[in-house]
């Protein structure tokens, strides 16, 4: 009898685990739908989508002189039932914070460290927050399972979805050449101001945001030993930190999980990725949510990342 029970448990356990993952995936999809609704409500209020992130352009930004930056997620807080948190964030304090002075505004700091379940996939094993010490102050950077799509071409050598190739080192960066680089052709990037009119390819043919997990430099593991977590609300921005908030459809999905793919730190940071098997879930600019297979045609994937590339898309 015990042996029979053990066999039954062995048969049922995978089905139970699959059902649980299906429920988590459905909740993740719902999170993206809520983000999509918030993006549209933001657009209704300001006639544009939130930028990928904002920072003080007058500040010198180097690896050793970082300044505070607010993400697109922070700007959506009032539209995600988080207005009380948003109202406690003093943006002047954030933009003025650097690694020399730290942040003395405890009210703003507490708001920036508030839990944000709307930005977390239930399947994620990334930490809820990552502690980082800058100057003499330790901050909890709330992690995010979702990032806005800044480009359809960063991470490859092409300039549109019809041109795919191996990238040079500079073509792997999400910040090089800002703001005139034509590779910033996605929904949102640093200080962007895109609106519906900018989506010439159509909002149903352009990705606004997608899932990702923490990816480390030079590692291909699902849970990297050197993680690079993405943040929901803010970060100390240096020259190579746009990847905390935005990614690129110019990179293959789940790039850091595939041991057969050569990669660099910048490619890891730009790649959208997921804890779900087989691909990633993405939010289209029209508010719909789609699942994109790891085996999607590369040209189609790049075309989905560009808002005005003029590509003709088939079924995807």
Protein backbone atom coordinates (compact mmCIF):
# COMPACT_ATOMS: atom_id res chain seq x y z
CA UNK A 1 0.00 0.00 0.00
CA UNK A 2 2.82 2.41 0.90
CA UNK A 3 4.50 1.66 -2.41
CA UNK A 4 1.27 2.41 -4.30
CA UNK A 5 0.86 5.74 -2.46
CA UNK A 6 4.45 6.65 -3.27
CA UNK A 7 3.87 5.92 -6.96
CA UNK A 8 0.71 8.03 -6.96
CA UNK A 9 2.53 10.93 -5.32
CA UNK A 10 5.31 10.65 -7.88
CA UNK A 11 2.74 10.81 -10.66
CA UNK A 12 0.79 13.70 -9.19
CA UNK A 13 3.67 15.92 -8.09
CA UNK A 14 4.69 17.09 -11.60
CA UNK A 15 1.07 17.91 -12.36
CA UNK A 16 0.76 19.95 -9.16
CA UNK A 17 4.00 21.79 -9.88
CA UNK A 18 2.87 22.49 -13.44
CA UNK A 19 -0.46 23.85 -12.19
CA UNK A 20 1.32 26.13 -9.74
CA UNK A 21 3.64 27.45 -12.42
CA UNK A 22 0.67 28.02 -14.71
CA UNK A 23 -0.97 30.11 -11.98
CA UNK A 24 2.24 32.10 -11.44
CA UNK A 25 2.57 32.71 -15.16
CA UNK A 26 -1.04 33.94 -15.29
CA UNK A 27 -0.34 36.36 -12.43
CA UNK A 28 2.79 37.58 -14.21
CA UNK A 29 0.68 38.19 -17.33
CA UNK A 30 -1.81 40.12 -15.22
CA UNK A 31 1.03 42.25 -13.79
CA UNK A 32 2.01 43.23 -17.33
CA UNK A 33 -1.61 44.04 -18.18
CA UNK A 34 -1.81 46.33 -15.16
CA UNK A 35 1.44 48.02 -16.22
CA UNK A 36 -0.03 48.43 -19.70
CA UNK A 37 -3.15 50.05 -18.28
CA UNK A 38 -0.98 52.36 -16.18
CA UNK A 39 1.07 53.33 -19.24
CA UNK A 40 -2.09 54.26 -21.13
CA UNK A 41 -3.47 56.23 -18.19
CA UNK A 42 -0.15 58.07 -17.95
CA UNK A 43 -0.37 58.82 -21.69
CA UNK A 44 -3.91 60.13 -21.24
CA UNK A 45 -2.62 62.53 -18.58
CA UNK A 46 0.58 63.72 -20.28
CA UNK A 47 0.13 62.79 -23.96
CA UNK A 48 3.29 60.69 -23.88
CA UNK A 49 4.69 57.55 -22.32
CA UNK A 50 7.03 57.86 -19.34
CA UNK A 51 10.72 57.99 -20.22
CA UNK A 52 12.83 54.93 -19.51
CA UNK A 53 14.40 56.92 -16.71
CA UNK A 54 15.17 60.47 -15.64
CA UNK A 55 18.32 61.95 -14.16
CA UNK A 56 19.96 65.32 -13.71
CA UNK A 57 21.79 66.00 -16.96
CA UNK A 58 23.80 68.81 -15.40
CA UNK A 59 25.57 66.31 -13.17
CA UNK A 60 28.79 64.67 -14.28
CA UNK A 61 28.26 60.91 -14.32
CA UNK A 62 31.22 58.58 -14.03
CA UNK A 63 31.76 55.23 -12.38
CA UNK A 64 32.91 57.04 -9.25
CA UNK A 65 30.46 59.97 -9.33
CA UNK A 66 26.96 58.59 -9.49
CA UNK A 67 23.71 60.54 -9.24
CA UNK A 68 20.17 59.47 -8.48
CA UNK A 69 17.86 58.43 -11.32
CA UNK A 70 14.13 57.67 -11.30
CA UNK A 71 12.72 54.89 -13.47
CA UNK A 72 9.62 54.66 -15.62
CA UNK A 73 8.16 52.54 -12.81
CA UNK A 74 8.35 55.47 -10.39
CA UNK A 75 6.35 57.61 -12.78
CA UNK A 76 3.62 54.96 -13.02
CA UNK A 77 3.10 54.66 -9.26
CA UNK A 78 0.02 56.94 -9.15
CA UNK A 79 -1.59 54.71 -11.81
CA UNK A 80 -0.79 51.47 -9.95
CA UNK A 81 -2.61 52.39 -6.71
CA UNK A 82 0.65 53.66 -5.21
CA UNK A 83 -0.05 57.40 -5.14
CA UNK A 84 0.77 57.69 -1.39
CA UNK A 85 4.25 56.27 -2.06
CA UNK A 86 4.76 58.52 -5.09
CA UNK A 87 3.70 61.61 -3.13
CA UNK A 88 6.45 60.97 -0.56
CA UNK A 89 9.23 60.90 -3.15
CA UNK A 90 11.03 64.22 -3.35
CA UNK A 91 12.42 64.16 -6.87
CA UNK A 92 14.82 67.01 -6.18
CA UNK A 93 16.33 64.93 -3.40
CA UNK A 94 16.71 61.91 -5.70
CA UNK A 95 18.39 63.83 -8.52
CA UNK A 96 20.72 65.64 -6.10
CA UNK A 97 21.81 62.48 -4.26
CA UNK A 98 25.34 61.32 -5.03
CA UNK A 99 27.90 59.04 -3.47
CA UNK A 100 29.56 61.93 -1.65
CA UNK A 101 26.56 63.23 0.28
CA UNK A 102 24.21 60.23 0.37
CA UNK A 103 20.51 60.73 1.01
CA UNK A 104 19.53 62.55 4.20
CA UNK A 105 15.80 62.71 3.35
CA UNK A 106 14.52 59.72 5.34
CA UNK A 107 10.92 60.11 4.07
CA UNK A 108 12.00 59.86 0.44
CA UNK A 109 14.38 56.99 1.22
CA UNK A 110 11.58 55.02 2.91
CA UNK A 111 9.28 55.56 -0.06
CA UNK A 112 11.95 54.43 -2.51
CA UNK A 113 12.42 51.23 -0.49
CA UNK A 114 8.70 50.33 -0.30
CA UNK A 115 7.68 46.87 -1.54
CA UNK A 116 6.37 46.87 -5.12
CA UNK A 117 4.50 43.61 -5.89
CA UNK A 118 3.20 45.05 -9.18
CA UNK A 119 6.74 44.82 -10.57
CA UNK A 120 7.49 41.27 -9.41
CA UNK A 121 6.83 38.03 -11.30
CA UNK A 122 5.58 35.34 -8.86
CA UNK A 123 8.01 32.85 -10.41
CA UNK A 124 11.01 35.08 -9.74
CA UNK A 125 13.72 33.92 -7.36
CA UNK A 126 15.53 37.26 -7.59
CA UNK A 127 15.67 39.00 -4.20
CA UNK A 128 12.90 41.48 -3.45
CA UNK A 129 15.55 44.11 -2.79
CA UNK A 130 19.31 44.44 -3.20
CA UNK A 131 21.25 46.30 -0.53
CA UNK A 132 23.82 48.71 -1.91
CA UNK A 133 26.03 51.02 0.11
CA UNK A 134 26.92 54.30 -1.53
CA UNK A 135 29.01 56.68 0.51
CA UNK A 136 27.98 56.12 4.11
CA UNK A 137 24.35 55.18 3.38
CA UNK A 138 22.94 51.71 2.67
CA UNK A 139 19.96 51.61 0.34
CA UNK A 140 17.56 48.78 -0.50
CA UNK A 141 17.09 48.88 -4.26
CA UNK A 142 13.70 47.26 -4.95
CA UNK A 143 14.10 44.82 -7.84
CA UNK A 144 11.82 44.55 -10.87
CA UNK A 145 10.87 41.63 -13.09
CA UNK A 146 9.95 43.96 -15.96
CA UNK A 147 11.74 46.52 -18.08
CA UNK A 148 10.76 48.90 -20.85
CA UNK A 149 12.04 48.18 -24.35
CA UNK A 150 14.51 50.88 -25.39
CA UNK A 151 15.48 49.44 -28.75
CA UNK A 152 15.04 46.79 -31.40
CA UNK A 153 18.65 47.01 -32.49
CA UNK A 154 20.96 47.45 -29.49
CA UNK A 155 22.82 44.15 -29.28
CA UNK A 156 23.12 43.52 -33.03
CA UNK A 157 24.72 45.29 -35.96
CA UNK A 158 21.54 46.22 -37.79
CA UNK A 159 19.52 49.41 -37.70
CA UNK A 160 16.15 47.77 -38.37
CA UNK A 161 14.43 44.44 -38.02
CA UNK A 162 15.50 43.52 -41.55
CA UNK A 163 19.20 43.71 -40.67
CA UNK A 164 20.63 41.23 -38.16
CA UNK A 165 24.29 40.62 -37.43
CA UNK A 166 27.04 40.29 -34.85
CA UNK A 167 27.49 43.54 -32.91
CA UNK A 168 30.59 45.53 -32.24
CA UNK A 169 31.31 46.27 -28.58
CA UNK A 170 29.78 49.74 -28.77
CA UNK A 171 26.61 48.39 -30.39
CA UNK A 172 25.89 46.36 -27.27
CA UNK A 173 25.40 49.38 -24.98
CA UNK A 174 22.07 50.91 -24.03
CA UNK A 175 23.58 54.35 -23.49
CA UNK A 176 26.20 54.96 -26.20
CA UNK A 177 25.42 57.90 -28.46
CA UNK A 178 22.44 59.20 -26.52
CA UNK A 179 20.31 61.09 -27.50
CA UNK A 180 20.89 61.12 -31.27
CA UNK A 181 21.78 57.46 -31.82
CA UNK A 182 19.19 55.96 -34.17
CA UNK A 183 19.45 52.73 -32.19
CA UNK A 184 17.22 54.25 -29.50
CA UNK A 185 14.18 53.30 -31.53
CA UNK A 186 12.02 51.57 -28.91
CA UNK A 187 9.21 52.57 -26.58
CA UNK A 188 11.25 54.25 -23.82
CA UNK A 189 14.87 55.14 -23.00
CA UNK A 190 16.69 57.83 -21.04
CA UNK A 191 14.69 61.10 -21.13
CA UNK A 192 12.52 59.79 -23.98
CA UNK A 193 9.18 61.43 -24.79
CA UNK A 194 7.44 59.02 -27.14
CA UNK A 195 3.69 59.20 -27.69
CA UNK A 196 1.21 57.20 -29.75
CA UNK A 197 2.04 59.23 -32.87
CA UNK A 198 5.66 58.03 -32.65
CA UNK A 199 4.61 54.39 -33.09
CA UNK A 200 4.43 54.51 -36.87
CA UNK A 201 4.66 50.71 -37.03
CA UNK A 202 1.53 50.53 -34.90
CA UNK A 203 1.12 49.97 -31.19
CA UNK A 204 -0.01 46.39 -31.82
CA UNK A 205 3.29 45.71 -33.61
CA UNK A 206 5.64 47.28 -31.06
CA UNK A 207 6.69 45.99 -27.65
CA UNK A 208 6.52 48.40 -24.73
CA UNK A 209 7.92 46.21 -21.94
CA UNK A 210 8.88 42.63 -21.17
CA UNK A 211 10.16 40.30 -18.46
CA UNK A 212 13.73 39.86 -17.31
CA UNK A 213 15.78 38.27 -14.54
CA UNK A 214 19.05 39.24 -12.89
CA UNK A 215 21.93 38.46 -15.26
CA UNK A 216 25.59 38.55 -14.32
CA UNK A 217 28.70 39.34 -16.31
CA UNK A 218 30.24 36.31 -18.00
CA UNK A 219 27.75 33.82 -16.61
CA UNK A 220 25.09 31.75 -18.33
CA UNK A 221 23.38 30.30 -15.27
CA UNK A 222 19.68 30.78 -14.60
CA UNK A 223 20.62 32.23 -11.20
CA UNK A 224 23.96 33.93 -11.90
CA UNK A 225 26.72 34.00 -9.35
CA UNK A 226 27.38 37.63 -10.32
CA UNK A 227 23.84 39.00 -10.65
CA UNK A 228 22.91 42.28 -12.27
CA UNK A 229 19.48 43.05 -10.90
CA UNK A 230 17.00 45.40 -12.50
CA UNK A 231 15.32 48.03 -10.35
CA UNK A 232 11.70 49.11 -10.07
CA UNK A 233 11.92 52.69 -8.84
CA UNK A 234 15.38 54.24 -8.78
CA UNK A 235 19.11 53.74 -8.95
CA UNK A 236 22.40 55.56 -8.73
CA UNK A 237 22.98 56.14 -12.42
CA UNK A 238 26.39 55.87 -13.99
CA UNK A 239 27.28 55.71 -17.67
CA UNK A 240 26.45 52.02 -18.07
CA UNK A 241 23.35 51.75 -15.91
CA UNK A 242 20.42 52.23 -18.33
CA UNK A 243 20.19 48.43 -18.18
CA UNK A 244 18.75 48.70 -14.69
CA UNK A 245 15.50 50.02 -16.22
CA UNK A 246 15.44 49.28 -19.97
CA UNK A 247 16.36 46.40 -22.27
CA UNK A 248 16.56 45.63 -25.99
CA UNK A 249 14.68 43.36 -28.36
CA UNK A 250 17.88 43.32 -30.38
CA UNK A 251 19.18 40.57 -28.09
CA UNK A 252 17.99 36.93 -28.11
CA UNK A 253 15.61 36.12 -25.27
CA UNK A 254 17.02 34.37 -22.20
CA UNK A 255 20.49 35.12 -23.48
CA UNK A 256 22.30 34.49 -20.21
CA UNK A 257 20.65 31.07 -19.81
CA UNK A 258 21.92 29.58 -23.08
CA UNK A 259 25.40 28.10 -22.65
CA UNK A 260 25.93 27.90 -26.42
CA UNK A 261 25.83 31.66 -26.88
CA UNK A 262 28.91 33.82 -26.53
CA UNK A 263 28.10 36.92 -24.58
CA UNK A 264 29.34 40.05 -22.89
CA UNK A 265 28.29 41.92 -19.80
CA UNK A 266 26.41 44.51 -21.86
CA UNK A 267 24.52 41.85 -23.83
CA UNK A 268 23.49 40.15 -20.61
CA UNK A 269 22.08 43.39 -19.28
CA UNK A 270 20.15 44.19 -22.46
CA UNK A 271 18.56 40.77 -22.94
CA UNK A 272 14.98 40.18 -21.86
CA UNK A 273 14.59 36.91 -19.97
CA UNK A 274 12.16 34.93 -17.88
CA UNK A 275 11.71 32.26 -15.22
CA UNK A 276 8.99 30.75 -17.41
CA UNK A 277 9.98 27.94 -19.75
CA UNK A 278 10.40 28.58 -23.45
CA UNK A 279 10.37 32.34 -23.78
CA UNK A 280 9.28 35.62 -22.20
CA UNK A 281 6.02 37.48 -21.75
CA UNK A 282 5.85 40.93 -23.26
CA UNK A 283 3.55 43.91 -23.13
CA UNK A 284 2.64 45.44 -26.48
CA UNK A 285 2.22 49.20 -26.72
CA UNK A 286 -1.51 48.71 -27.31
CA UNK A 287 -1.83 47.11 -23.86
CA UNK A 288 -2.10 43.47 -24.93
CA UNK A 289 0.26 40.80 -23.53
CA UNK A 290 1.95 38.18 -25.70
CA UNK A 291 4.28 35.24 -25.04
CA UNK A 292 7.40 35.33 -27.21
CA UNK A 293 9.18 32.05 -27.90
CA UNK A 294 12.93 31.66 -27.53
CA UNK A 295 12.79 30.35 -31.12
CA UNK A 296 11.18 33.47 -32.58
CA UNK A 297 12.60 34.58 -35.91
CA UNK A 298 15.38 37.09 -35.18
CA UNK A 299 14.16 39.61 -37.75
CA UNK A 300 10.64 39.50 -36.34
CA UNK A 301 11.96 40.00 -32.83
CA UNK A 302 14.00 43.04 -33.83
CA UNK A 303 11.05 44.50 -35.71
CA UNK A 304 8.86 44.19 -32.62
CA UNK A 305 11.37 46.32 -30.73
CA UNK A 306 11.33 49.25 -33.16
CA UNK A 307 8.43 51.69 -33.10
CA UNK A 308 8.95 53.19 -36.58
CA UNK A 309 11.20 50.85 -38.54
CA UNK A 310 8.69 50.28 -41.33
CA UNK A 311 8.97 46.50 -41.10
CA UNK A 312 6.10 44.30 -42.26
CA UNK A 313 5.28 41.70 -39.64
CA UNK A 314 3.62 38.37 -40.25
CA UNK A 315 2.26 36.10 -37.56
CA UNK A 316 4.19 36.01 -34.30
